[in-house]
Amino acid sequence: MTIRVMLVDDQVLLRTGFRMVLAAQPDMEVVAEAGDGAEAIEILRATAVDVVLMDVRMPRLDGVEATRRICSAETHPKVLILTTFDLDEYAFSGLKAGASGFMLKDVPPAELLGAIRSVHSGDAVVAPSTTRRLLDRFAPMLPTTGKERGPGGAMEKLTEREREVMLLVAQGLSNGEIAARLVLSEATVKTHVGRILTKLGLRDRVQVVVLAYESGLVRAGGL
């Protein structure tokens, strides 16, 4: 199955470089390109795309707002935020807007390709530890989206074990680390994470972490 990719960046040279890397892969195809968020949204109305590589700082409509509009649709492509600087506040905002992760623009080609494949398969591509560093730094500074859910309500759908797993995900632990901490198999942890996503209506573990911070289950700097 070919992964249909869209490149959104106002720098033509960068798009060219990404396109050359992706074109060499038998399972990927660049089906569209755009120079800003507004153009990307317009193109997506008529073009089937699986994964969008989205720059954040662009004219007319930036990548964060474009991501928010794209991800608000009932069916939509996965979005990978591209940023120049690690721990960029734009990357954090992009995650809150619905992106499945973020990557630095100077990422090695192999990592970029792996990230696209991971996102396409339904996983997030931001390492949990990196996600937590983002949240620790920016959660106290940024306005909330107005859609937060407190520890009650949706959280009450979770079993005691699922809450344990959710807290460990929010602390930046990988599935393997959670398995070791709770003395479970990694497959069992993956099942718990999947059930958490389903019960809370979340797309990936990045959103689990964001919700845990926004609901007060985890606070910047620790529990």
Foldseek 3Di string as FASTA:
>chain_A
DAAEEEEEALDPVLVVVLQVLQVVDPRYHHPYYYNALVVVVVVVVPDDHAEYEAEADGPPHGRLVSLLVQQVDPDHHAYEYEYQDQLDLSQVSNVLSPHLYYDYSPDPSVLVVVQSVQVSVQERSHQLVSLLVSCLPPVVPDDHPPPADACPDLVVVADPVLVVLLVVSLVRDDLVRSCVVVVHDSVVSVVSQVVSCVSNVHRYSSVSNVNCDVNVVFDRPGD
